Amino acid sequence: MRESDLTGNRESQAEMTWPRASGVTSRRGANMGILRCDHPDILDFITCKIDTTKITNFNISVAITDAFMQAVARDEEYDLINPRSGEPQIATREDLKHPFSGEVLVSKGEPMRLRARLVFDLIVQCAHATGEPGLFFIDRANEYNPVPALGEYEATNPLSLAA
């Protein structure tokens, strides 16, 4: 180790930590995907990173609402909302099934309602297995939004989750 490494020379510190031996010559950017807990595709989203060879270099988080957390605490069902219409989604293509057990959760033609605790448990199970999805408490972020006149938060960048 060079003496300059101990004195805080940033260039030499970067040389020590950058994986040059592996042939990496550029840094890939971070990507962030956030989906609301009441989106009709939430089960597929939560489980999308179980296969760790797919969707790499991409962080995912579920936007959690206060209403969802209250439904978890009360072990209640909640509606999945069509993002285009703002109305409860109807299972139109096929039955909505649990991604692991295959159990039918919502039959085709029925309004899409899920037990919040089932969804939360699935988030926990996947996060334990792969480290994702993370949670983005969207109502809390909007409560502390410093510029609400510009609109509500819908997502965030990957680094702001650590703040």
C-alpha atoms as a PDB file:
ATOM      1  CA  MET A   1       0.000   0.000   0.000  1.00  0.00           C
ATOM      2  CA  ARG A   2       1.292   3.451  -0.871  1.00  0.00           C
ATOM      3  CA  GLU A   3       1.601   6.172   1.765  1.00  0.00           C
ATOM      4  CA  SER A   4      -0.799   8.342  -0.270  1.00  0.00           C
ATOM      5  CA  ASP A   5      -3.470   5.640   0.220  1.00  0.00           C
ATOM      6  CA  LEU A   6      -3.435   6.342   3.937  1.00  0.00           C
ATOM      7  CA  THR A   7      -3.599  10.115   3.611  1.00  0.00           C
ATOM      8  CA  GLY A   8      -6.921  10.325   1.820  1.00  0.00           C
ATOM      9  CA  ASN A   9      -5.831  10.610  -1.811  1.00  0.00           C
ATOM     10  CA  ARG A  10      -9.200  10.026  -3.511  1.00  0.00           C
ATOM     11  CA  GLU A  11      -7.688   8.886  -6.785  1.00  0.00           C
ATOM     12  CA  SER A  12      -5.675   6.140  -5.108  1.00  0.00           C
ATOM     13  CA  GLN A  13      -8.671   5.097  -2.985  1.00  0.00           C
ATOM     14  CA  ALA A  14     -10.735   4.693  -6.126  1.00  0.00           C
ATOM     15  CA  GLU A  15      -7.945   2.620  -7.653  1.00  0.00           C
ATOM     16  CA  MET A  16      -8.033   0.294  -4.643  1.00  0.00           C
ATOM     17  CA  THR A  17     -11.807  -0.236  -4.772  1.00  0.00           C
ATOM     18  CA  TRP A  18     -12.516  -0.292  -8.521  1.00  0.00           C
ATOM     19  CA  PRO A  19     -12.644  -3.880  -9.858  1.00  0.00           C
ATOM     20  CA  ARG A  20     -10.038  -3.425 -12.603  1.00  0.00           C
ATOM     21  CA  ALA A  21      -8.822  -7.009 -12.387  1.00  0.00           C
ATOM     22  CA  SER A  22     -12.224  -8.264 -13.504  1.00  0.00           C
ATOM     23  CA  GLY A  23     -12.067  -6.277 -16.729  1.00  0.00           C
ATOM     24  CA  VAL A  24     -14.797  -3.831 -15.749  1.00  0.00           C
ATOM     25  CA  THR A  25     -13.987  -0.525 -17.369  1.00  0.00           C
ATOM     26  CA  SER A  26     -17.240   1.370 -16.918  1.00  0.00           C
ATOM     27  CA  ARG A  27     -19.876   1.658 -14.252  1.00  0.00           C
ATOM     28  CA  ARG A  28     -23.408   0.608 -15.044  1.00  0.00           C
ATOM     29  CA  GLY A  29     -26.154   2.972 -13.956  1.00  0.00           C
ATOM     30  CA  ALA A  30     -28.719   2.056 -11.348  1.00  0.00           C
ATOM     31  CA  ASN A  31     -32.347   1.649 -12.335  1.00  0.00           C
ATOM     32  CA  MET A  32     -35.371   1.788 -10.071  1.00  0.00           C
ATOM     33  CA  GLY A  33     -38.812   0.333 -10.575  1.00  0.00           C
ATOM     34  CA  ILE A  34     -41.634   1.163  -8.166  1.00  0.00           C
ATOM     35  CA  LEU A  35     -45.170  -0.166  -8.406  1.00  0.00           C
ATOM     36  CA  ARG A  36     -48.041   0.765  -6.113  1.00  0.00           C
ATOM     37  CA  CYS A  37     -49.332  -1.938  -3.811  1.00  0.00           C
ATOM     38  CA  ASP A  38     -52.810  -1.535  -5.347  1.00  0.00           C
ATOM     39  CA  HIS A  39     -51.690  -2.036  -8.969  1.00  0.00           C
ATOM     40  CA  PRO A  40     -53.300  -5.052 -10.714  1.00  0.00           C
ATOM     41  CA  ASP A  41     -49.857  -6.512 -11.576  1.00  0.00           C
ATOM     42  CA  ILE A  42     -48.515  -6.311  -8.026  1.00  0.00           C
ATOM     43  CA  LEU A  43     -48.102 -10.078  -7.477  1.00  0.00           C
ATOM     44  CA  ASP A  44     -46.029 -10.493 -10.644  1.00  0.00           C
ATOM     45  CA  PHE A  45     -43.984  -7.436  -9.715  1.00  0.00           C
ATOM     46  CA  ILE A  46     -43.231  -8.629  -6.183  1.00  0.00           C
ATOM     47  CA  THR A  47     -41.978 -11.993  -7.464  1.00  0.00           C
ATOM     48  CA  CYS A  48     -40.187 -10.787 -10.611  1.00  0.00           C
ATOM     49  CA  LYS A  49     -36.717 -11.087  -9.084  1.00  0.00           C
ATOM     50  CA  ILE A  50     -37.050 -14.602  -7.657  1.00  0.00           C
ATOM     51  CA  ASP A  51     -35.108 -15.738 -10.715  1.00  0.00           C
ATOM     52  CA  THR A  52     -31.925 -13.771 -10.002  1.00  0.00           C
ATOM     53  CA  THR A  53     -30.681 -14.166 -13.587  1.00  0.00           C
ATOM     54  CA  LYS A  54     -33.464 -11.890 -14.861  1.00  0.00           C
ATOM     55  CA  ILE A  55     -34.054  -8.184 -14.333  1.00  0.00           C
ATOM     56  CA  THR A  56     -30.488  -7.562 -13.218  1.00  0.00           C
ATOM     57  CA  ASN A  57     -29.068  -4.119 -12.420  1.00  0.00           C
ATOM     58  CA  PHE A  58     -32.544  -3.021 -11.424  1.00  0.00           C
ATOM     59  CA  ASN A  59     -33.863  -2.287  -7.944  1.00  0.00           C
ATOM     60  CA  ILE A  60     -37.547  -2.776  -7.279  1.00  0.00           C
ATOM     61  CA  SER A  61     -39.732  -1.448  -4.498  1.00  0.00           C
ATOM     62  CA  VAL A  62     -43.422  -1.536  -3.702  1.00  0.00           C
ATOM     63  CA  ALA A  63     -45.098   1.814  -3.048  1.00  0.00           C
ATOM     64  CA  ILE A  64     -46.934   1.136   0.204  1.00  0.00           C
ATOM     65  CA  THR A  65     -49.938   3.265   1.176  1.00  0.00           C
ATOM     66  CA  ASP A  66     -51.267   3.952   4.653  1.00  0.00           C
ATOM     67  CA  ALA A  67     -54.552   2.283   3.660  1.00  0.00           C
ATOM     68  CA  PHE A  68     -52.661  -0.876   2.677  1.00  0.00           C
ATOM     69  CA  MET A  69     -50.808  -1.010   6.003  1.00  0.00           C
ATOM     70  CA  GLN A  70     -54.080  -0.533   7.873  1.00  0.00           C
ATOM     71  CA  ALA A  71     -55.575  -3.420   5.880  1.00  0.00           C
ATOM     72  CA  VAL A  72     -52.517  -5.552   6.778  1.00  0.00           C
ATOM     73  CA  ALA A  73     -52.960  -4.752  10.477  1.00  0.00           C
ATOM     74  CA  ARG A  74     -56.683  -5.623  10.322  1.00  0.00           C
ATOM     75  CA  ASP A  75     -56.153  -8.634   8.013  1.00  0.00           C
ATOM     76  CA  GLU A  76     -58.586  -7.128   5.505  1.00  0.00           C
ATOM     77  CA  GLU A  77     -58.920  -7.228   1.743  1.00  0.00           C
ATOM     78  CA  TYR A  78     -58.169  -4.247  -0.448  1.00  0.00           C
ATOM     79  CA  ASP A  79     -58.942  -3.354  -4.064  1.00  0.00           C
ATOM     80  CA  LEU A  80     -56.454  -3.482  -6.905  1.00  0.00           C
ATOM     81  CA  ILE A  81     -57.022  -0.313  -8.906  1.00  0.00           C
ATOM     82  CA  ASN A  82     -56.875   0.107 -12.671  1.00  0.00           C
ATOM     83  CA  PRO A  83     -54.280   2.891 -13.091  1.00  0.00           C
ATOM     84  CA  ARG A  84     -56.023   4.244 -16.204  1.00  0.00           C
ATOM     85  CA  SER A  85     -59.545   4.502 -14.825  1.00  0.00           C
ATOM     86  CA  GLY A  86     -58.954   4.766 -11.075  1.00  0.00           C
ATOM     87  CA  GLU A  87     -61.644   2.123 -10.621  1.00  0.00           C
ATOM     88  CA  PRO A  88     -61.286  -1.354  -9.095  1.00  0.00           C
ATOM     89  CA  GLN A  89     -59.769  -3.731 -11.662  1.00  0.00           C
ATOM     90  CA  ILE A  90     -61.803  -6.704 -12.900  1.00  0.00           C
ATOM     91  CA  ALA A  91     -59.923  -9.949 -13.549  1.00  0.00           C
ATOM     92  CA  THR A  92     -60.631 -10.035 -17.284  1.00  0.00           C
ATOM     93  CA  ARG A  93     -57.948 -12.264 -18.823  1.00  0.00           C
ATOM     94  CA  GLU A  94     -57.806 -15.186 -16.399  1.00  0.00           C
ATOM     95  CA  ASP A  95     -58.010 -16.130 -12.745  1.00  0.00           C
ATOM     96  CA  LEU A  96     -55.524 -14.306 -10.540  1.00  0.00           C
ATOM     97  CA  LYS A  97     -53.426 -16.984  -8.849  1.00  0.00           C
ATOM     98  CA  HIS A  98     -50.930 -16.987  -6.036  1.00  0.00           C
ATOM     99  CA  PRO A  99     -47.517 -16.937  -7.760  1.00  0.00           C
ATOM    100  CA  PHE A 100     -46.081 -19.805  -5.678  1.00  0.00           C
ATOM    101  CA  SER A 101     -48.992 -22.033  -4.655  1.00  0.00           C
ATOM    102  CA  GLY A 102     -51.176 -21.556  -7.741  1.00  0.00           C
ATOM    103  CA  GLU A 103     -54.205 -21.032  -5.481  1.00  0.00           C
ATOM    104  CA  VAL A 104     -56.932 -19.007  -7.212  1.00  0.00           C
ATOM    105  CA  LEU A 105     -57.175 -15.692  -5.395  1.00  0.00           C
ATOM    106  CA  VAL A 106     -59.608 -13.937  -7.755  1.00  0.00           C
ATOM    107  CA  SER A 107     -61.770 -15.660 -10.351  1.00  0.00           C
ATOM    108  CA  LYS A 108     -62.016 -14.320 -13.891  1.00  0.00           C
ATOM    109  CA  GLY A 109     -64.743 -11.668 -14.123  1.00  0.00           C
ATOM    110  CA  GLU A 110     -64.566 -10.751 -10.420  1.00  0.00           C
ATOM    111  CA  PRO A 111     -63.264  -7.509  -8.928  1.00  0.00           C
ATOM    112  CA  MET A 112     -59.610  -7.891  -7.986  1.00  0.00           C
ATOM    113  CA  ARG A 113     -59.447  -7.817  -4.179  1.00  0.00           C
ATOM    114  CA  LEU A 114     -56.618  -9.360  -2.209  1.00  0.00           C
ATOM    115  CA  ARG A 115     -55.927  -9.971   1.444  1.00  0.00           C
ATOM    116  CA  ALA A 116     -53.403  -7.282   2.316  1.00  0.00           C
ATOM    117  CA  ARG A 117     -51.599  -9.593   4.730  1.00  0.00           C
ATOM    118  CA  LEU A 118     -51.106 -12.175   1.968  1.00  0.00           C
ATOM    119  CA  VAL A 119     -49.503  -9.523  -0.239  1.00  0.00           C
ATOM    120  CA  PHE A 120     -47.369  -8.200   2.617  1.00  0.00           C
ATOM    121  CA  ASP A 121     -46.240 -11.734   3.519  1.00  0.00           C
ATOM    122  CA  LEU A 122     -45.283 -12.292  -0.134  1.00  0.00           C
ATOM    123  CA  ILE A 123     -43.213  -9.095  -0.074  1.00  0.00           C
ATOM    124  CA  VAL A 124     -41.451 -10.291   3.079  1.00  0.00           C
ATOM    125  CA  GLN A 125     -40.863 -13.776   1.651  1.00  0.00           C
ATOM    126  CA  CYS A 126     -39.319 -12.411  -1.558  1.00  0.00           C
ATOM    127  CA  ALA A 127     -37.280  -9.768   0.255  1.00  0.00           C
ATOM    128  CA  HIS A 128     -35.886 -12.460   2.541  1.00  0.00           C
ATOM    129  CA  ALA A 129     -34.964 -14.645  -0.436  1.00  0.00           C
ATOM    130  CA  THR A 130     -33.467 -11.991  -2.733  1.00  0.00           C
ATOM    131  CA  GLY A 131     -33.246  -8.676  -0.884  1.00  0.00           C
ATOM    132  CA  GLU A 132     -36.094  -7.275  -2.969  1.00  0.00           C
ATOM    133  CA  PRO A 133     -38.595  -5.759  -3.211  1.00  0.00           C
ATOM    134  CA  GLY A 134     -37.930  -2.817  -0.963  1.00  0.00           C
ATOM    135  CA  LEU A 135     -40.692  -0.662   0.464  1.00  0.00           C
ATOM    136  CA  PHE A 136     -41.381   2.952  -0.445  1.00  0.00           C
ATOM    137  CA  PHE A 137     -43.902   4.484   1.964  1.00  0.00           C
ATOM    138  CA  ILE A 138     -45.498   6.763  -0.587  1.00  0.00           C
ATOM    139  CA  ASP A 139     -48.011   8.478   1.677  1.00  0.00           C
ATOM    140  CA  ARG A 140     -45.229   9.340   4.122  1.00  0.00           C
ATOM    141  CA  ALA A 141     -43.048  10.692   1.300  1.00  0.00           C
ATOM    142  CA  ASN A 142     -45.920  12.865   0.085  1.00  0.00           C
ATOM    143  CA  GLU A 143     -46.659  14.079   3.628  1.00  0.00           C
ATOM    144  CA  TYR A 144     -43.136  15.522   3.759  1.00  0.00           C
ATOM    145  CA  ASN A 145     -42.980  16.591   0.097  1.00  0.00           C
ATOM    146  CA  PRO A 146     -41.225  19.980   0.136  1.00  0.00           C
ATOM    147  CA  VAL A 147     -42.827  21.045  -3.163  1.00  0.00           C
ATOM    148  CA  PRO A 148     -46.400  19.676  -3.187  1.00  0.00           C
ATOM    149  CA  ALA A 149     -47.503  22.310  -5.705  1.00  0.00           C
ATOM    150  CA  LEU A 150     -45.385  20.459  -8.290  1.00  0.00           C
ATOM    151  CA  GLY A 151     -47.329  17.234  -7.696  1.00  0.00           C
ATOM    152  CA  GLU A 152     -47.180  14.105  -5.593  1.00  0.00           C
ATOM    153  CA  TYR A 153     -44.375  11.602  -5.568  1.00  0.00           C
ATOM    154  CA  GLU A 154     -45.002   8.466  -7.599  1.00  0.00           C
ATOM    155  CA  ALA A 155     -41.499   7.019  -7.378  1.00  0.00           C
ATOM    156  CA  THR A 156     -37.949   7.858  -6.383  1.00  0.00           C
ATOM    157  CA  ASN A 157     -34.429   7.199  -7.549  1.00  0.00           C
ATOM    158  CA  PRO A 158     -32.437   4.315  -6.047  1.00  0.00           C
ATOM    159  CA  LEU A 159     -30.284   6.493  -3.806  1.00  0.00           C
ATOM    160  CA  SER A 160     -33.102   8.333  -2.077  1.00  0.00           C
ATOM    161  CA  LEU A 161     -34.282   5.116  -0.427  1.00  0.00           C
ATOM    162  CA  ALA A 162     -31.224   5.290   1.807  1.00  0.00           C
ATOM    163  CA  ALA A 163     -32.059   8.807   2.983  1.00  0.00           C
END
